[in-house]
Amino acid sequence: MLCFILMMWAALAAAGIVTPRSSGSFLVEGALPKGFVEVPTTWSGFEVNGEKMAFNGTIQDVIRQIKVLDPGYDFDKHLTNNATDSPDWASNQVSRLPPSNILTTKCGDLTRGATSSSIEEGAYYLQHLDASLLCGSQPGSWDSPTCGRISCSYQGAIWNCNYNEHSVAYPCWTFGVYAWGVADLCELGGRIVGSQIDLPYRIGAFAGHLQGGETC
């Protein structure tokens, strides 16, 4: 069934009639939708004190961990001015790297949404990370994706989600693009909550507000 859906989406994309938003809603349990499984995200691509290292957590957690090991670490070297919320789809398809332009977006109950500024700030920062930084996700499934929190500020969080039944690792900026797509399509009254899935790659992002007194 999934292969058929992807074929249909590809045909629609070729005809130029794909829209990135789908109808429907989802039940949220805690911060994530029902069936989603929260796991740590593993960041790789760092060299600290001459040693290649990987870290778990959000980008904010990673920066704190690196600063403990090397207070003088220049994190700005991982930032680029080449970020965009409109990627070169054709170039990405040739390189076989996400994001694609076959996306579906689903919005949630905005009474449980994060502030627009917290999600937009996180998505903007993630998009400006250079391609050397990879975000790894544990195996999930189409019905029960695994999601790792990669950014969090002012209780507004962004998760990278894996719908594949195997581990994946892609440039972290990719998930900033998906999160920006959620912000663009799922904002109402200054609140944002929703998910965007890249159907060919079976990865995506979820953006929303932490629940139950949880803090960043």
Protein backbone atom coordinates (compact mmCIF):
# COMPACT_ATOMS: atom_id res chain seq x y z
CA MET A 1 0.00 0.00 0.00
CA LEU A 2 2.77 2.45 0.89
CA CYS A 3 4.51 1.79 -2.46
CA PHE A 4 1.24 2.55 -4.25
CA ILE A 5 0.85 5.80 -2.31
CA LEU A 6 4.40 6.84 -3.14
CA MET A 7 3.84 6.08 -6.82
CA MET A 8 0.70 8.19 -6.82
CA TRP A 9 2.48 11.06 -5.09
CA ALA A 10 5.34 10.85 -7.57
CA ALA A 11 2.89 11.04 -10.47
CA LEU A 12 1.16 14.03 -8.94
CA ALA A 13 4.49 15.74 -8.29
CA ALA A 14 5.51 15.23 -11.91
CA ALA A 15 2.24 16.83 -12.94
CA GLY A 16 2.90 19.74 -10.61
CA ILE A 17 -0.26 19.26 -8.57
CA VAL A 18 1.06 17.99 -5.25
CA THR A 19 0.15 20.09 -2.24
CA PRO A 20 2.20 19.60 0.91
CA ARG A 21 -0.71 19.60 3.32
CA SER A 22 -3.03 16.73 4.14
CA SER A 23 -6.29 16.88 6.03
CA GLY A 24 -6.92 15.17 9.33
CA SER A 25 -5.70 15.43 12.87
CA PHE A 26 -4.07 13.23 15.48
CA LEU A 27 -4.42 12.39 19.14
CA VAL A 28 -1.54 13.67 21.23
CA GLU A 29 -0.32 11.66 24.21
CA GLY A 30 2.02 13.89 26.16
CA ALA A 31 4.03 15.98 23.74
CA LEU A 32 3.98 13.51 20.81
CA PRO A 33 1.07 11.99 18.87
CA LYS A 34 -0.33 8.63 19.90
CA GLY A 35 1.91 5.78 18.71
CA PHE A 36 5.05 7.89 18.39
CA VAL A 37 8.01 6.66 20.45
CA GLU A 38 10.45 9.17 21.91
CA VAL A 39 14.12 8.13 21.74
CA PRO A 40 17.40 10.07 21.92
CA THR A 41 18.76 11.66 18.76
CA THR A 42 22.46 11.01 18.15
CA TRP A 43 24.47 13.91 16.70
CA SER A 44 27.72 13.16 14.89
CA GLY A 45 30.25 15.20 12.96
CA PHE A 46 31.97 16.94 15.86
CA GLU A 47 35.68 16.95 16.59
CA VAL A 48 36.39 18.02 20.16
CA ASN A 49 39.94 18.30 21.46
CA GLY A 50 41.12 16.44 18.38
CA GLU A 51 38.73 13.51 18.87
CA LYS A 52 35.67 12.71 16.77
CA MET A 53 32.67 12.52 19.06
CA ALA A 54 28.91 11.94 19.04
CA PHE A 55 26.34 13.35 21.45
CA ASN A 56 22.71 12.68 22.37
CA GLY A 57 19.99 15.26 22.95
CA THR A 58 18.81 18.54 21.50
CA ILE A 59 21.11 21.01 19.81
CA GLN A 60 21.02 23.01 23.04
CA ASP A 61 22.07 19.90 25.03
CA VAL A 62 24.87 19.17 22.57
CA ILE A 63 26.29 22.68 22.82
CA ARG A 64 26.29 22.44 26.63
CA GLN A 65 28.04 19.04 26.55
CA ILE A 66 30.71 20.29 24.16
CA LYS A 67 31.33 23.43 26.21
CA VAL A 68 32.01 21.26 29.27
CA LEU A 69 34.66 19.31 27.34
CA ASP A 70 36.10 22.34 25.55
CA PRO A 71 34.97 25.75 26.87
CA GLY A 72 36.59 27.47 23.91
CA TYR A 73 34.88 25.36 21.25
CA ASP A 74 33.73 27.55 18.34
CA PHE A 75 30.28 26.23 17.49
CA ASP A 76 29.73 28.99 14.95
CA LYS A 77 31.98 27.09 12.54
CA HIS A 78 29.09 24.66 12.05
CA LEU A 79 26.76 27.44 10.88
CA THR A 80 26.24 28.47 7.28
CA ASN A 81 24.50 31.33 5.53
CA ASN A 82 23.34 29.01 2.75
CA ALA A 83 20.21 27.84 4.55
CA THR A 84 16.89 27.97 2.76
CA ASP A 85 13.30 26.97 3.39
CA SER A 86 13.00 26.27 -0.37
CA PRO A 87 15.64 23.60 -1.11
CA ASP A 88 16.85 22.77 -4.61
CA TRP A 89 14.60 19.73 -5.09
CA ALA A 90 16.13 18.66 -8.40
CA SER A 91 19.65 18.76 -6.98
CA ASN A 92 18.57 16.77 -3.93
CA GLN A 93 16.96 14.10 -6.09
CA VAL A 94 20.14 13.71 -8.13
CA SER A 95 22.23 13.36 -4.95
CA ARG A 96 19.63 11.00 -3.45
CA LEU A 97 19.48 13.05 -0.27
CA PRO A 98 16.41 14.52 1.41
CA PRO A 99 14.43 16.66 1.47
CA SER A 100 12.26 15.70 -1.47
CA ASN A 101 9.23 17.65 -2.66
CA ILE A 102 6.83 14.80 -1.90
CA LEU A 103 5.73 15.87 1.56
CA THR A 104 2.63 15.46 3.66
CA THR A 105 1.82 17.69 6.61
CA LYS A 106 -0.71 17.08 9.36
CA CYS A 107 -1.66 19.65 11.98
CA GLY A 108 -2.71 18.91 15.54
CA ASP A 109 -4.84 20.49 18.25
CA LEU A 110 -3.53 24.03 18.42
CA THR A 111 -4.70 24.42 22.02
CA ARG A 112 -1.68 22.18 22.73
CA GLY A 113 0.59 24.06 20.37
CA ALA A 114 3.91 25.75 21.03
CA THR A 115 4.43 29.45 20.52
CA SER A 116 5.20 30.30 16.92
CA SER A 117 8.39 32.11 17.87
CA SER A 118 9.86 29.09 19.71
CA ILE A 119 9.34 26.72 16.76
CA GLU A 120 10.40 29.22 14.11
CA GLU A 121 13.54 30.09 16.07
CA GLY A 122 14.47 26.41 16.42
CA ALA A 123 13.74 25.59 12.78
CA TYR A 124 15.70 28.62 11.56
CA TYR A 125 18.76 27.65 13.62
CA LEU A 126 18.65 24.01 12.51
CA GLN A 127 18.45 25.05 8.87
CA HIS A 128 21.68 27.01 9.28
CA LEU A 129 23.71 24.00 10.44
CA ASP A 130 26.19 22.82 7.84
CA ALA A 131 25.89 19.40 6.21
CA SER A 132 28.74 17.89 8.24
CA LEU A 133 26.46 17.44 11.26
CA LEU A 134 24.31 14.32 11.07
CA CYS A 135 21.28 13.43 13.19
CA GLY A 136 20.80 9.70 13.68
CA SER A 137 17.48 8.03 14.44
CA GLN A 138 16.71 4.58 15.83
CA PRO A 139 14.52 2.13 13.87
CA GLY A 140 10.81 2.86 13.87
CA SER A 141 7.86 1.94 11.68
CA TRP A 142 5.18 3.61 9.61
CA ASP A 143 2.63 3.21 12.41
CA SER A 144 5.04 3.84 15.29
CA PRO A 145 7.85 6.20 14.29
CA THR A 146 10.73 6.92 16.62
CA CYS A 147 11.28 10.61 17.31
CA GLY A 148 14.21 12.36 18.97
CA ARG A 149 14.01 15.87 20.32
CA ILE A 150 16.56 17.95 18.39
CA SER A 151 15.65 21.47 19.50
CA CYS A 152 13.83 22.92 22.49
CA SER A 153 13.34 26.45 23.78
CA TYR A 154 10.55 28.08 25.79
CA GLN A 155 8.78 24.66 25.93
CA GLY A 156 8.53 24.60 22.13
CA ALA A 157 10.21 21.46 20.78
CA ILE A 158 11.17 19.95 17.43
CA TRP A 159 11.65 16.20 16.98
CA ASN A 160 13.22 14.36 14.05
CA CYS A 161 11.17 11.25 13.28
CA ASN A 162 12.05 7.98 11.55
CA TYR A 163 9.34 5.87 9.91
CA ASN A 164 11.84 3.31 8.58
CA GLU A 165 12.42 -0.08 10.17
CA HIS A 166 16.16 0.60 10.21
CA SER A 167 18.38 3.32 11.63
CA VAL A 168 19.02 6.41 9.52
CA ALA A 169 21.29 9.45 9.75
CA TYR A 170 20.86 12.58 7.64
CA PRO A 171 22.18 16.14 7.81
CA CYS A 172 20.48 17.79 10.77
CA TRP A 173 19.54 20.88 8.76
CA THR A 174 17.10 18.67 6.82
CA PHE A 175 14.82 18.43 9.84
CA GLY A 176 14.88 22.20 10.19
CA VAL A 177 13.35 22.36 6.70
CA TYR A 178 10.55 19.99 7.73
CA ALA A 179 9.96 21.90 10.97
CA TRP A 180 9.75 25.14 9.02
CA GLY A 181 7.16 23.47 6.81
CA VAL A 182 5.11 22.64 9.90
CA ALA A 183 5.43 26.23 11.10
CA ASP A 184 4.32 27.52 7.71
CA LEU A 185 1.27 25.26 7.41
CA CYS A 186 0.20 24.62 11.01
CA GLU A 187 0.29 28.07 12.59
CA LEU A 188 -2.86 29.67 13.93
CA GLY A 189 -3.22 32.38 16.52
CA GLY A 190 0.47 32.34 17.32
CA ARG A 191 0.51 28.58 18.06
CA ILE A 192 2.05 25.65 16.16
CA VAL A 193 1.70 21.88 16.40
CA GLY A 194 2.03 19.35 13.61
CA SER A 195 4.16 16.91 11.65
CA GLN A 196 5.68 16.84 8.18
CA ILE A 197 6.75 13.57 6.53
CA ASP A 198 9.05 13.18 3.55
CA LEU A 199 7.34 10.20 1.93
CA PRO A 200 10.16 8.82 -0.26
CA TYR A 201 12.64 8.84 2.65
CA ARG A 202 10.14 8.04 5.42
CA ILE A 203 11.57 10.67 7.75
CA GLY A 204 10.17 13.93 9.04
CA ALA A 205 9.74 16.35 11.89
CA PHE A 206 7.18 16.98 14.59
CA ALA A 207 6.83 20.36 16.28
CA GLY A 208 4.81 21.07 19.39
CA HIS A 209 4.66 22.09 23.03
CA LEU A 210 6.04 20.05 25.93
CA GLN A 211 3.30 18.75 28.21
CA GLY A 212 2.85 17.64 31.80
CA GLY A 213 5.24 20.14 33.31
CA GLU A 214 8.20 18.88 31.27
CA THR A 215 10.86 21.48 30.58
CA CYS A 216 13.50 21.92 27.91
